[in-house]
Amino acid sequence: MRFHTAIEMIGTRWTGAILRALFTDQCRYAQIKAAVPGVSDTMLAQRLRELQRDGLVERHVVPVTPVQVEYRLTPKGRDLEPVLDAIIAWSHTWIPLPDPGPAS
């Protein structure tokens, strides 16, 4: 049961990429979006809410004009860093890069 819950928590589409962006200290919405090519605004907002709900990310409103919102990993979220590093290392060994096709 715990394993299934953990895999569902971090294995949802875009979640790993969002966490990876947060590990590299990209904490503002636009920075996260730029670091995760292809994610829509709706999906990014939904995933960030889910990460907050699961206790992996905290949302901080910076009291400036205009208002800025930053996302930070909680200690629970930060503890996932070696897990994602292991997945990245595994992928470099076992997942081939897509074939770029014939050169033009």
Protein backbone atom coordinates (compact mmCIF):
# COMPACT_ATOMS: atom_id res chain seq x y z
CA MET A 1 0.00 0.00 0.00
CA ARG A 2 2.77 2.51 0.89
CA PHE A 3 4.76 1.65 -2.22
CA HIS A 4 1.72 2.11 -4.47
CA THR A 5 0.90 5.46 -2.87
CA ALA A 6 4.50 6.67 -3.23
CA ILE A 7 4.73 5.62 -6.89
CA GLU A 8 1.41 7.30 -7.67
CA MET A 9 2.59 10.46 -5.89
CA ILE A 10 5.82 10.90 -7.85
CA GLY A 11 4.96 8.96 -11.00
CA THR A 12 2.13 11.15 -12.24
CA ARG A 13 2.90 12.79 -15.56
CA TRP A 14 4.94 16.01 -15.20
CA THR A 15 5.47 15.57 -11.45
CA GLY A 16 9.05 14.31 -11.71
CA ALA A 17 10.00 17.13 -14.06
CA ILE A 18 8.40 19.71 -11.76
CA LEU A 19 10.23 18.29 -8.74
CA ARG A 20 13.50 18.31 -10.69
CA ALA A 21 13.00 22.01 -11.50
CA LEU A 22 12.39 22.72 -7.82
CA PHE A 23 15.57 20.81 -6.88
CA THR A 24 17.50 23.24 -9.10
CA ASP A 25 16.05 26.19 -7.15
CA GLN A 26 13.68 27.31 -9.88
CA CYS A 27 10.92 28.36 -7.56
CA ARG A 28 8.73 30.84 -9.40
CA TYR A 29 5.87 29.63 -11.57
CA ALA A 30 7.34 31.00 -14.82
CA GLN A 31 10.73 29.42 -14.04
CA ILE A 32 9.13 26.04 -13.38
CA LYS A 33 7.07 26.30 -16.56
CA ALA A 34 10.18 27.16 -18.60
CA ALA A 35 12.04 24.19 -17.10
CA VAL A 36 9.25 21.75 -18.03
CA PRO A 37 8.73 22.06 -21.80
CA GLY A 38 5.31 21.04 -22.99
CA VAL A 39 3.42 21.39 -19.71
CA SER A 40 0.30 23.54 -19.98
CA ASP A 41 -0.58 26.23 -17.44
CA THR A 42 -3.59 24.22 -16.31
CA MET A 43 -1.56 21.05 -15.80
CA LEU A 44 1.29 22.85 -14.01
CA ALA A 45 -1.15 24.53 -11.63
CA GLN A 46 -2.91 21.22 -10.99
CA ARG A 47 0.36 19.35 -10.31
CA LEU A 48 1.63 22.10 -7.99
CA ARG A 49 -1.65 21.91 -6.02
CA GLU A 50 -1.28 18.11 -5.78
CA LEU A 51 2.32 18.45 -4.59
CA GLN A 52 1.14 20.92 -1.94
CA ARG A 53 -1.68 18.58 -0.89
CA ASP A 54 0.82 15.71 -0.56
CA GLY A 55 3.11 17.85 1.60
CA LEU A 56 6.01 17.92 -0.88
CA VAL A 57 5.81 21.60 -1.84
CA GLU A 58 4.92 24.81 -0.03
CA ARG A 59 3.49 27.87 -1.73
CA HIS A 60 4.77 31.25 -0.55
CA VAL A 61 3.31 34.60 -1.55
CA VAL A 62 6.00 37.28 -1.72
CA PRO A 63 4.49 40.60 -0.59
CA VAL A 64 5.73 42.82 -3.41
CA THR A 65 3.96 44.64 -6.19
CA PRO A 66 3.02 42.85 -8.33
CA VAL A 67 2.53 39.87 -6.04
CA GLN A 68 4.93 37.00 -6.67
CA VAL A 69 4.39 33.37 -5.78
CA GLU A 70 7.24 31.00 -5.05
CA TYR A 71 7.16 27.25 -4.56
CA ARG A 72 9.62 25.51 -2.26
CA LEU A 73 10.21 21.91 -1.41
CA THR A 74 9.33 20.85 2.10
CA PRO A 75 11.70 18.54 3.99
CA LYS A 76 9.49 15.67 2.79
CA GLY A 77 9.89 16.85 -0.81
CA ARG A 78 13.63 17.47 -0.41
CA ASP A 79 14.03 13.85 0.77
CA LEU A 80 12.99 12.74 -2.74
CA GLU A 81 16.16 14.17 -4.30
CA PRO A 82 18.25 10.97 -4.05
CA VAL A 83 15.28 8.98 -5.36
CA LEU A 84 14.98 11.16 -8.45
CA ASP A 85 18.78 11.20 -8.87
CA ALA A 86 18.70 7.39 -8.91
CA ILE A 87 15.93 7.40 -11.53
CA ILE A 88 17.91 9.88 -13.65
CA ALA A 89 21.04 7.71 -13.41
CA TRP A 90 19.02 4.61 -14.32
CA SER A 91 17.49 6.39 -17.32
CA HIS A 92 20.94 7.40 -18.61
CA THR A 93 21.93 3.74 -18.57
CA TRP A 94 18.77 2.10 -19.88
CA ILE A 95 16.63 4.58 -21.82
CA PRO A 96 17.96 5.38 -25.28
CA LEU A 97 17.68 8.88 -26.67
CA PRO A 98 15.15 9.19 -29.50
CA ASP A 99 16.59 8.77 -32.98
CA PRO A 100 16.88 12.27 -34.48
CA GLY A 101 16.12 10.86 -37.93
CA PRO A 102 18.03 11.43 -41.13
CA ALA A 103 20.09 14.57 -41.40
CA SER A 104 18.81 17.06 -43.96
